[in-house]
PDB file of N, CA and C in Angstrom:
ATOM      1  N   MET A   1     -40.738 -50.015  -2.937  1.00  0.00           N
ATOM      2  CA  MET A   1     -41.341 -50.045  -4.237  1.00  0.00           C
ATOM      3  C   MET A   1     -40.351 -50.641  -5.224  1.00  0.00           C
ATOM      4  N   LYS A   2     -40.775 -51.589  -6.010  1.00  0.00           N
ATOM      5  CA  LYS A   2     -39.906 -52.270  -6.945  1.00  0.00           C
ATOM      6  C   LYS A   2     -40.302 -51.863  -8.365  1.00  0.00           C
ATOM      7  N   PHE A   3     -39.272 -51.497  -9.172  1.00  0.00           N
ATOM      8  CA  PHE A   3     -39.533 -51.139 -10.549  1.00  0.00           C
ATOM      9  C   PHE A   3     -39.004 -52.257 -11.441  1.00  0.00           C
ATOM     10  N   ILE A   4     -39.787 -52.586 -12.450  1.00  0.00           N
ATOM     11  CA  ILE A   4     -39.423 -53.642 -13.414  1.00  0.00           C
ATOM     12  C   ILE A   4     -39.167 -52.972 -14.770  1.00  0.00           C
ATOM     13  N   PHE A   5     -37.953 -53.096 -15.270  1.00  0.00           N
ATOM     14  CA  PHE A   5     -37.606 -52.545 -16.549  1.00  0.00           C
ATOM     15  C   PHE A   5     -37.605 -53.669 -17.613  1.00  0.00           C
ATOM     16  N   PRO A   6     -38.195 -53.447 -18.743  1.00  0.00           N
ATOM     17  CA  PRO A   6     -38.151 -54.474 -19.812  1.00  0.00           C
ATOM     18  C   PRO A   6     -36.713 -54.722 -20.271  1.00  0.00           C
ATOM     19  N   GLN A   7     -36.474 -55.872 -20.873  1.00  0.00           N
ATOM     20  CA  GLN A   7     -35.123 -56.206 -21.302  1.00  0.00           C
ATOM     21  C   GLN A   7     -34.651 -55.364 -22.459  1.00  0.00           C
ATOM     22  N   ASN A   8     -35.538 -54.835 -23.271  1.00  0.00           N
ATOM     23  CA  ASN A   8     -35.120 -54.023 -24.410  1.00  0.00           C
ATOM     24  C   ASN A   8     -35.031 -52.551 -24.060  1.00  0.00           C
ATOM     25  N   TYR A   9     -35.143 -52.201 -22.799  1.00  0.00           N
ATOM     26  CA  TYR A   9     -35.035 -50.804 -22.333  1.00  0.00           C
ATOM     27  C   TYR A   9     -33.572 -50.467 -22.133  1.00  0.00           C
ATOM     28  N   ASN A  10     -33.111 -49.391 -22.773  1.00  0.00           N
ATOM     29  CA  ASN A  10     -31.722 -48.956 -22.617  1.00  0.00           C
ATOM     30  C   ASN A  10     -31.660 -47.912 -21.505  1.00  0.00           C
ATOM     31  N   PHE A  11     -31.027 -48.283 -20.395  1.00  0.00           N
ATOM     32  CA  PHE A  11     -30.926 -47.382 -19.257  1.00  0.00           C
ATOM     33  C   PHE A  11     -29.568 -46.672 -19.339  1.00  0.00           C
ATOM     34  N   ASN A  12     -29.580 -45.342 -19.458  1.00  0.00           N
ATOM     35  CA  ASN A  12     -28.356 -44.546 -19.504  1.00  0.00           C
ATOM     36  C   ASN A  12     -28.360 -43.583 -18.336  1.00  0.00           C
ATOM     37  N   SER A  13     -27.281 -43.609 -17.581  1.00  0.00           N
ATOM     38  CA  SER A  13     -27.210 -42.664 -16.468  1.00  0.00           C
ATOM     39  C   SER A  13     -26.829 -41.298 -17.011  1.00  0.00           C
ATOM     40  N   LYS A  14     -27.458 -40.264 -16.473  1.00  0.00           N
ATOM     41  CA  LYS A  14     -27.269 -38.918 -16.946  1.00  0.00           C
ATOM     42  C   LYS A  14     -27.049 -37.977 -15.766  1.00  0.00           C
ATOM     43  N   ILE A  15     -26.414 -36.849 -16.048  1.00  0.00           N
ATOM     44  CA  ILE A  15     -26.227 -35.803 -15.043  1.00  0.00           C
ATOM     45  C   ILE A  15     -27.511 -35.023 -14.934  1.00  0.00           C
ATOM     46  N   LEU A  16     -28.086 -34.977 -13.760  1.00  0.00           N
ATOM     47  CA  LEU A  16     -29.352 -34.300 -13.491  1.00  0.00           C
ATOM     48  C   LEU A  16     -30.479 -34.792 -14.390  1.00  0.00           C
ATOM     49  N   GLY A  17     -30.323 -35.948 -14.965  1.00  0.00           N
ATOM     50  CA  GLY A  17     -31.362 -36.521 -15.821  1.00  0.00           C
ATOM     51  C   GLY A  17     -31.450 -35.845 -17.170  1.00  0.00           C
ATOM     52  N   ILE A  18     -30.500 -35.018 -17.515  1.00  0.00           N
ATOM     53  CA  ILE A  18     -30.591 -34.239 -18.755  1.00  0.00           C
ATOM     54  C   ILE A  18     -29.522 -34.617 -19.764  1.00  0.00           C
ATOM     55  N   ILE A  19     -28.263 -34.620 -19.338  1.00  0.00           N
ATOM     56  CA  ILE A  19     -27.139 -34.766 -20.272  1.00  0.00           C
ATOM     57  C   ILE A  19     -26.315 -35.973 -19.869  1.00  0.00           C
ATOM     58  N   GLU A  20     -25.903 -36.756 -20.860  1.00  0.00           N
ATOM     59  CA  GLU A  20     -25.108 -37.948 -20.593  1.00  0.00           C
ATOM     60  C   GLU A  20     -23.664 -37.575 -20.244  1.00  0.00           C
ATOM     61  N   TYR A  21     -23.016 -38.470 -19.540  1.00  0.00           N
ATOM     62  CA  TYR A  21     -21.668 -38.182 -19.028  1.00  0.00           C
ATOM     63  C   TYR A  21     -20.683 -37.981 -20.169  1.00  0.00           C
ATOM     64  N   SER A  22     -20.744 -38.772 -21.205  1.00  0.00           N
ATOM     65  CA  SER A  22     -19.789 -38.618 -22.320  1.00  0.00           C
ATOM     66  C   SER A  22     -19.991 -37.276 -23.022  1.00  0.00           C
ATOM     67  N   ALA A  23     -21.240 -36.858 -23.178  1.00  0.00           N
ATOM     68  CA  ALA A  23     -21.497 -35.561 -23.800  1.00  0.00           C
ATOM     69  C   ALA A  23     -21.029 -34.426 -22.900  1.00  0.00           C
ATOM     70  N   ALA A  24     -21.183 -34.578 -21.583  1.00  0.00           N
ATOM     71  CA  ALA A  24     -20.724 -33.561 -20.646  1.00  0.00           C
ATOM     72  C   ALA A  24     -19.205 -33.414 -20.667  1.00  0.00           C
ATOM     73  N   ILE A  25     -18.511 -34.532 -20.780  1.00  0.00           N
ATOM     74  CA  ILE A  25     -17.050 -34.488 -20.855  1.00  0.00           C
ATOM     75  C   ILE A  25     -16.630 -33.809 -22.136  1.00  0.00           C
ATOM     76  N   LEU A  26     -17.292 -34.146 -23.253  1.00  0.00           N
ATOM     77  CA  LEU A  26     -17.022 -33.500 -24.509  1.00  0.00           C
ATOM     78  C   LEU A  26     -17.297 -31.997 -24.447  1.00  0.00           C
ATOM     79  N   ASP A  27     -18.363 -31.605 -23.776  1.00  0.00           N
ATOM     80  CA  ASP A  27     -18.666 -30.171 -23.605  1.00  0.00           C
ATOM     81  C   ASP A  27     -17.596 -29.475 -22.776  1.00  0.00           C
ATOM     82  N   LEU A  28     -17.132 -30.143 -21.736  1.00  0.00           N
ATOM     83  CA  LEU A  28     -16.055 -29.550 -20.901  1.00  0.00           C
ATOM     84  C   LEU A  28     -14.765 -29.357 -21.685  1.00  0.00           C
ATOM     85  N   ILE A  29     -14.408 -30.337 -22.501  1.00  0.00           N
ATOM     86  CA  ILE A  29     -13.206 -30.230 -23.315  1.00  0.00           C
ATOM     87  C   ILE A  29     -13.352 -29.114 -24.333  1.00  0.00           C
ATOM     88  N   TRP A  30     -14.512 -29.058 -25.007  1.00  0.00           N
ATOM     89  CA  TRP A  30     -14.765 -28.009 -25.993  1.00  0.00           C
ATOM     90  C   TRP A  30     -14.758 -26.631 -25.329  1.00  0.00           C
ATOM     91  N   GLY A  31     -15.411 -26.500 -24.182  1.00  0.00           N
ATOM     92  CA  GLY A  31     -15.459 -25.228 -23.477  1.00  0.00           C
ATOM     93  C   GLY A  31     -14.065 -24.771 -23.013  1.00  0.00           C
ATOM     94  N   GLY A  32     -13.273 -25.714 -22.521  1.00  0.00           N
ATOM     95  CA  GLY A  32     -11.915 -25.373 -22.098  1.00  0.00           C
ATOM     96  C   GLY A  32     -11.038 -24.947 -23.279  1.00  0.00           C
ATOM     97  N   PHE A  33     -11.187 -25.634 -24.402  1.00  0.00           N
ATOM     98  CA  PHE A  33     -10.432 -25.273 -25.599  1.00  0.00           C
ATOM     99  C   PHE A  33     -10.817 -23.882 -26.079  1.00  0.00           C
ATOM    100  N   ILE A  34     -12.110 -23.603 -26.119  1.00  0.00           N
ATOM    101  CA  ILE A  34     -12.574 -22.277 -26.535  1.00  0.00           C
ATOM    102  C   ILE A  34     -12.086 -21.205 -25.577  1.00  0.00           C
ATOM    103  N   PHE A  35     -12.127 -21.499 -24.277  1.00  0.00           N
ATOM    104  CA  PHE A  35     -11.686 -20.554 -23.251  1.00  0.00           C
ATOM    105  C   PHE A  35     -10.225 -20.196 -23.444  1.00  0.00           C
ATOM    106  N   LEU A  36      -9.403 -21.198 -23.672  1.00  0.00           N
ATOM    107  CA  LEU A  36      -7.950 -20.935 -23.859  1.00  0.00           C
ATOM    108  C   LEU A  36      -7.701 -20.111 -25.116  1.00  0.00           C
ATOM    109  N   ILE A  37      -8.350 -20.439 -26.211  1.00  0.00           N
ATOM    110  CA  ILE A  37      -8.170 -19.686 -27.453  1.00  0.00           C
ATOM    111  C   ILE A  37      -8.663 -18.251 -27.309  1.00  0.00           C
ATOM    112  N   ILE A  38      -9.784 -18.078 -26.667  1.00  0.00           N
ATOM    113  CA  ILE A  38     -10.336 -16.727 -26.503  1.00  0.00           C
ATOM    114  C   ILE A  38      -9.431 -15.868 -25.637  1.00  0.00           C
ATOM    115  N   ASN A  39      -8.862 -16.455 -24.578  1.00  0.00           N
ATOM    116  CA  ASN A  39      -7.951 -15.667 -23.704  1.00  0.00           C
ATOM    117  C   ASN A  39      -6.686 -15.249 -24.450  1.00  0.00           C
ATOM    118  N   ILE A  40      -6.262 -15.998 -25.438  1.00  0.00           N
ATOM    119  CA  ILE A  40      -5.080 -15.623 -26.214  1.00  0.00           C
ATOM    120  C   ILE A  40      -5.376 -14.461 -27.137  1.00  0.00           C
ATOM    121  N   PHE A  41      -6.533 -14.467 -27.795  1.00  0.00           N
ATOM    122  CA  PHE A  41      -6.801 -13.496 -28.874  1.00  0.00           C
ATOM    123  C   PHE A  41      -7.523 -12.234 -28.434  1.00  0.00           C
ATOM    124  N   PHE A  42      -8.336 -12.277 -27.387  1.00  0.00           N
ATOM    125  CA  PHE A  42      -9.155 -11.098 -27.033  1.00  0.00           C
ATOM    126  C   PHE A  42      -8.759 -10.589 -25.667  1.00  0.00           C
ATOM    127  N   THR A  43      -8.921  -9.264 -25.470  1.00  0.00           N
ATOM    128  CA  THR A  43      -8.605  -8.661 -24.191  1.00  0.00           C
ATOM    129  C   THR A  43      -9.845  -8.154 -23.466  1.00  0.00           C
ATOM    130  N   SER A  44     -10.854  -7.715 -24.185  1.00  0.00           N
ATOM    131  CA  SER A  44     -12.071  -7.203 -23.571  1.00  0.00           C
ATOM    132  C   SER A  44     -12.922  -8.367 -23.043  1.00  0.00           C
ATOM    133  N   ILE A  45     -13.436  -8.181 -21.811  1.00  0.00           N
ATOM    134  CA  ILE A  45     -14.205  -9.237 -21.173  1.00  0.00           C
ATOM    135  C   ILE A  45     -15.548  -9.426 -21.875  1.00  0.00           C
ATOM    136  N   SER A  46     -16.121  -8.323 -22.361  1.00  0.00           N
ATOM    137  CA  SER A  46     -17.426  -8.452 -23.053  1.00  0.00           C
ATOM    138  C   SER A  46     -17.256  -9.219 -24.358  1.00  0.00           C
ATOM    139  N   THR A  47     -16.165  -8.986 -25.078  1.00  0.00           N
ATOM    140  CA  THR A  47     -15.892  -9.733 -26.300  1.00  0.00           C
ATOM    141  C   THR A  47     -15.640 -11.212 -26.012  1.00  0.00           C
ATOM    142  N   LYS A  48     -14.911 -11.476 -24.944  1.00  0.00           N
ATOM    143  CA  LYS A  48     -14.668 -12.874 -24.548  1.00  0.00           C
ATOM    144  C   LYS A  48     -15.952 -13.612 -24.260  1.00  0.00           C
ATOM    145  N   ILE A  49     -16.837 -12.987 -23.503  1.00  0.00           N
ATOM    146  CA  ILE A  49     -18.123 -13.614 -23.146  1.00  0.00           C
ATOM    147  C   ILE A  49     -18.979 -13.844 -24.411  1.00  0.00           C
ATOM    148  N   PHE A  50     -19.020 -12.817 -25.291  1.00  0.00           N
ATOM    149  CA  PHE A  50     -19.833 -12.921 -26.494  1.00  0.00           C
ATOM    150  C   PHE A  50     -19.312 -14.033 -27.383  1.00  0.00           C
ATOM    151  N   VAL A  51     -18.033 -14.126 -27.627  1.00  0.00           N
ATOM    152  CA  VAL A  51     -17.478 -15.152 -28.499  1.00  0.00           C
ATOM    153  C   VAL A  51     -17.631 -16.515 -27.875  1.00  0.00           C
ATOM    154  N   PHE A  52     -17.452 -16.642 -26.541  1.00  0.00           N
ATOM    155  CA  PHE A  52     -17.604 -17.913 -25.880  1.00  0.00           C
ATOM    156  C   PHE A  52     -19.047 -18.417 -26.002  1.00  0.00           C
ATOM    157  N   ILE A  53     -20.016 -17.539 -25.812  1.00  0.00           N
ATOM    158  CA  ILE A  53     -21.401 -17.935 -25.934  1.00  0.00           C
ATOM    159  C   ILE A  53     -21.752 -18.346 -27.364  1.00  0.00           C
ATOM    160  N   ILE A  54     -21.253 -17.606 -28.329  1.00  0.00           N
ATOM    161  CA  ILE A  54     -21.526 -17.930 -29.718  1.00  0.00           C
ATOM    162  C   ILE A  54     -20.950 -19.271 -30.119  1.00  0.00           C
ATOM    163  N   LEU A  55     -19.754 -19.602 -29.629  1.00  0.00           N
ATOM    164  CA  LEU A  55     -19.103 -20.853 -30.012  1.00  0.00           C
ATOM    165  C   LEU A  55     -19.521 -22.052 -29.151  1.00  0.00           C
ATOM    166  N   PHE A  56     -19.866 -21.829 -27.899  1.00  0.00           N
ATOM    167  CA  PHE A  56     -20.123 -22.954 -26.996  1.00  0.00           C
ATOM    168  C   PHE A  56     -21.615 -23.318 -26.924  1.00  0.00           C
ATOM    169  N   LEU A  57     -22.472 -22.351 -26.937  1.00  0.00           N
ATOM    170  CA  LEU A  57     -23.900 -22.609 -26.726  1.00  0.00           C
ATOM    171  C   LEU A  57     -24.528 -23.570 -27.748  1.00  0.00           C
ATOM    172  N   PRO A  58     -24.241 -23.458 -29.063  1.00  0.00           N
ATOM    173  CA  PRO A  58     -24.879 -24.402 -29.986  1.00  0.00           C
ATOM    174  C   PRO A  58     -24.487 -25.850 -29.724  1.00  0.00           C
ATOM    175  N   ILE A  59     -23.228 -26.098 -29.399  1.00  0.00           N
ATOM    176  CA  ILE A  59     -22.773 -27.458 -29.102  1.00  0.00           C
ATOM    177  C   ILE A  59     -23.422 -27.965 -27.811  1.00  0.00           C
ATOM    178  N   PHE A  60     -23.522 -27.109 -26.829  1.00  0.00           N
ATOM    179  CA  PHE A  60     -24.096 -27.487 -25.557  1.00  0.00           C
ATOM    180  C   PHE A  60     -25.574 -27.820 -25.695  1.00  0.00           C
ATOM    181  N   ILE A  61     -26.310 -26.998 -26.423  1.00  0.00           N
ATOM    182  CA  ILE A  61     -27.744 -27.249 -26.643  1.00  0.00           C
ATOM    183  C   ILE A  61     -27.929 -28.529 -27.459  1.00  0.00           C
ATOM    184  N   PHE A  62     -27.050 -28.734 -28.455  1.00  0.00           N
ATOM    185  CA  PHE A  62     -27.142 -29.918 -29.256  1.00  0.00           C
ATOM    186  C   PHE A  62     -26.855 -31.193 -28.432  1.00  0.00           C
ATOM    187  N   SER A  63     -25.971 -31.077 -27.445  1.00  0.00           N
ATOM    188  CA  SER A  63     -25.694 -32.238 -26.591  1.00  0.00           C
ATOM    189  C   SER A  63     -26.851 -32.518 -25.651  1.00  0.00           C
ATOM    190  N   ILE A  64     -27.588 -31.510 -25.247  1.00  0.00           N
ATOM    191  CA  ILE A  64     -28.734 -31.737 -24.393  1.00  0.00           C
ATOM    192  C   ILE A  64     -29.904 -32.291 -25.184  1.00  0.00           C
ATOM    193  N   VAL A  65     -30.239 -31.641 -26.296  1.00  0.00           N
ATOM    194  CA  VAL A  65     -31.381 -32.066 -27.083  1.00  0.00           C
ATOM    195  C   VAL A  65     -31.100 -33.335 -27.896  1.00  0.00           C
ATOM    196  N   GLY A  66     -29.953 -33.346 -28.546  1.00  0.00           N
ATOM    197  CA  GLY A  66     -29.569 -34.507 -29.339  1.00  0.00           C
ATOM    198  C   GLY A  66     -30.376 -34.637 -30.606  1.00  0.00           C
ATOM    199  N   VAL A  67     -30.163 -35.755 -31.289  1.00  0.00           N
ATOM    200  CA  VAL A  67     -30.893 -36.064 -32.501  1.00  0.00           C
ATOM    201  C   VAL A  67     -31.712 -37.299 -32.228  1.00  0.00           C
ATOM    202  N   GLN A  68     -32.977 -37.128 -31.977  1.00  0.00           N
ATOM    203  CA  GLN A  68     -33.923 -38.207 -31.687  1.00  0.00           C
ATOM    204  C   GLN A  68     -33.416 -39.114 -30.546  1.00  0.00           C
ATOM    205  N   GLY A  69     -32.891 -38.485 -29.521  1.00  0.00           N
ATOM    206  CA  GLY A  69     -32.440 -39.247 -28.362  1.00  0.00           C
ATOM    207  C   GLY A  69     -31.104 -39.909 -28.510  1.00  0.00           C
ATOM    208  N   GLU A  70     -30.416 -39.683 -29.605  1.00  0.00           N
ATOM    209  CA  GLU A  70     -29.112 -40.302 -29.852  1.00  0.00           C
ATOM    210  C   GLU A  70     -28.011 -39.568 -29.083  1.00  0.00           C
ATOM    211  N   ASN A  71     -27.048 -40.291 -28.594  1.00  0.00           N
ATOM    212  CA  ASN A  71     -25.928 -39.746 -27.865  1.00  0.00           C
ATOM    213  C   ASN A  71     -25.102 -38.867 -28.829  1.00  0.00           C
ATOM    214  N   LEU A  72     -24.577 -37.764 -28.327  1.00  0.00           N
ATOM    215  CA  LEU A  72     -23.807 -36.824 -29.151  1.00  0.00           C
ATOM    216  C   LEU A  72     -22.521 -37.486 -29.700  1.00  0.00           C
ATOM    217  N   ILE A  73     -21.841 -38.304 -28.886  1.00  0.00           N
ATOM    218  CA  ILE A  73     -20.620 -38.952 -29.326  1.00  0.00           C
ATOM    219  C   ILE A  73     -20.919 -39.904 -30.474  1.00  0.00           C
ATOM    220  N   TYR A  74     -21.968 -40.700 -30.362  1.00  0.00           N
ATOM    221  CA  TYR A  74     -22.319 -41.650 -31.406  1.00  0.00           C
ATOM    222  C   TYR A  74     -22.710 -40.888 -32.681  1.00  0.00           C
ATOM    223  N   PHE A  75     -23.457 -39.826 -32.512  1.00  0.00           N
ATOM    224  CA  PHE A  75     -23.880 -39.048 -33.696  1.00  0.00           C
ATOM    225  C   PHE A  75     -22.678 -38.466 -34.419  1.00  0.00           C
ATOM    226  N   LEU A  76     -21.709 -37.929 -33.686  1.00  0.00           N
ATOM    227  CA  LEU A  76     -20.532 -37.374 -34.334  1.00  0.00           C
ATOM    228  C   LEU A  76     -19.687 -38.459 -35.006  1.00  0.00           C
ATOM    229  N   THR A  77     -19.573 -39.621 -34.405  1.00  0.00           N
ATOM    230  CA  THR A  77     -18.821 -40.697 -35.061  1.00  0.00           C
ATOM    231  C   THR A  77     -19.523 -41.155 -36.332  1.00  0.00           C
ATOM    232  N   TYR A  78     -20.843 -41.234 -36.304  1.00  0.00           N
ATOM    233  CA  TYR A  78     -21.595 -41.613 -37.505  1.00  0.00           C
ATOM    234  C   TYR A  78     -21.395 -40.583 -38.613  1.00  0.00           C
ATOM    235  N   MET A  79     -21.419 -39.316 -38.257  1.00  0.00           N
ATOM    236  CA  MET A  79     -21.224 -38.243 -39.252  1.00  0.00           C
ATOM    237  C   MET A  79     -19.817 -38.291 -39.831  1.00  0.00           C
ATOM    238  N   ILE A  80     -18.824 -38.492 -38.988  1.00  0.00           N
ATOM    239  CA  ILE A  80     -17.430 -38.555 -39.475  1.00  0.00           C
ATOM    240  C   ILE A  80     -17.240 -39.752 -40.413  1.00  0.00           C
ATOM    241  N   LYS A  81     -17.807 -40.905 -40.037  1.00  0.00           N
ATOM    242  CA  LYS A  81     -17.707 -42.084 -40.889  1.00  0.00           C
ATOM    243  C   LYS A  81     -18.403 -41.852 -42.239  1.00  0.00           C
ATOM    244  N   TYR A  82     -19.521 -41.124 -42.219  1.00  0.00           N
ATOM    245  CA  TYR A  82     -20.238 -40.839 -43.450  1.00  0.00           C
ATOM    246  C   TYR A  82     -19.423 -39.893 -44.341  1.00  0.00           C
ATOM    247  N   PHE A  83     -18.811 -38.855 -43.768  1.00  0.00           N
ATOM    248  CA  PHE A  83     -18.030 -37.932 -44.571  1.00  0.00           C
ATOM    249  C   PHE A  83     -16.775 -38.567 -45.132  1.00  0.00           C
ATOM    250  N   ILE A  84     -16.214 -39.516 -44.423  1.00  0.00           N
ATOM    251  CA  ILE A  84     -15.005 -40.205 -44.945  1.00  0.00           C
ATOM    252  C   ILE A  84     -15.389 -41.161 -46.058  1.00  0.00           C
ATOM    253  N   LYS A  85     -16.420 -41.923 -45.905  1.00  0.00           N
ATOM    254  CA  LYS A  85     -16.798 -42.926 -46.882  1.00  0.00           C
ATOM    255  C   LYS A  85     -18.251 -42.689 -47.286  1.00  0.00           C
ATOM    256  N   GLN A  86     -18.424 -41.837 -48.309  1.00  0.00           N
ATOM    257  CA  GLN A  86     -19.780 -41.520 -48.776  1.00  0.00           C
ATOM    258  C   GLN A  86     -20.161 -42.498 -49.886  1.00  0.00           C
ATOM    259  N   LYS A  87     -20.966 -43.450 -49.536  1.00  0.00           N
ATOM    260  CA  LYS A  87     -21.485 -44.385 -50.526  1.00  0.00           C
ATOM    261  C   LYS A  87     -22.965 -44.518 -50.318  1.00  0.00           C
ATOM    262  N   LEU A  88     -23.635 -44.695 -51.420  1.00  0.00           N
ATOM    263  CA  LEU A  88     -25.078 -44.875 -51.370  1.00  0.00           C
ATOM    264  C   LEU A  88     -25.388 -46.296 -51.832  1.00  0.00           C
ATOM    265  N   TYR A  89     -26.024 -47.045 -50.977  1.00  0.00           N
ATOM    266  CA  TYR A  89     -26.300 -48.437 -51.282  1.00  0.00           C
ATOM    267  C   TYR A  89     -27.794 -48.572 -51.656  1.00  0.00           C
ATOM    268  N   PHE A  90     -28.026 -49.256 -52.771  1.00  0.00           N
ATOM    269  CA  PHE A  90     -29.365 -49.573 -53.186  1.00  0.00           C
ATOM    270  C   PHE A  90     -29.520 -51.109 -53.123  1.00  0.00           C
ATOM    271  N   TYR A  91     -30.499 -51.547 -52.442  1.00  0.00           N
ATOM    272  CA  TYR A  91     -30.756 -52.961 -52.346  1.00  0.00           C
ATOM    273  C   TYR A  91     -32.029 -53.302 -53.120  1.00  0.00           C
ATOM    274  N   GLU A  92     -31.931 -54.360 -53.864  1.00  0.00           N
ATOM    275  CA  GLU A  92     -33.113 -54.779 -54.617  1.00  0.00           C
ATOM    276  C   GLU A  92     -33.882 -55.815 -53.848  1.00  0.00           C
ATOM    277  N   LYS A  93     -35.139 -55.589 -53.695  1.00  0.00           N
ATOM    278  CA  LYS A  93     -36.001 -56.520 -52.963  1.00  0.00           C
ATOM    279  C   LYS A  93     -36.412 -57.663 -53.854  1.00  0.00           C
ATOM    280  N   ILE A  94     -36.092 -58.870 -53.410  1.00  0.00           N
ATOM    281  CA  ILE A  94     -36.395 -60.049 -54.224  1.00  0.00           C
ATOM    282  C   ILE A  94     -37.601 -60.780 -53.677  1.00  0.00           C
TER     283      ILE A  94
END
C-alpha cells in the first residue's frame, strides 16, 4: 500500500505518536532537575512524590497537548522572545 502525502504536509516523528522527541528530551531534563532538587530538600518519600507530581505533571501535559499543535520548544522560544522584546505593531492597510 502506497501513501501519498501532500507537499504542504508537515511530517513530524513522535514517540508513540503522542509526544515529539524534542519535547520528550526537555521533559527528561526537567524531570531530572526536579528529582535532584527534591532529593536534596526532602526526606519523606510521600512528600517527594507529591512535590514531583505537582512540578512535573503540568509541563508534561503541556508538552503532550501543546498549543494548537505547536511544538513545546518553539512555543517557549516565542514566549521568551516576546517577554524580552514586547512591542506592539500596528499596520495601516492602504
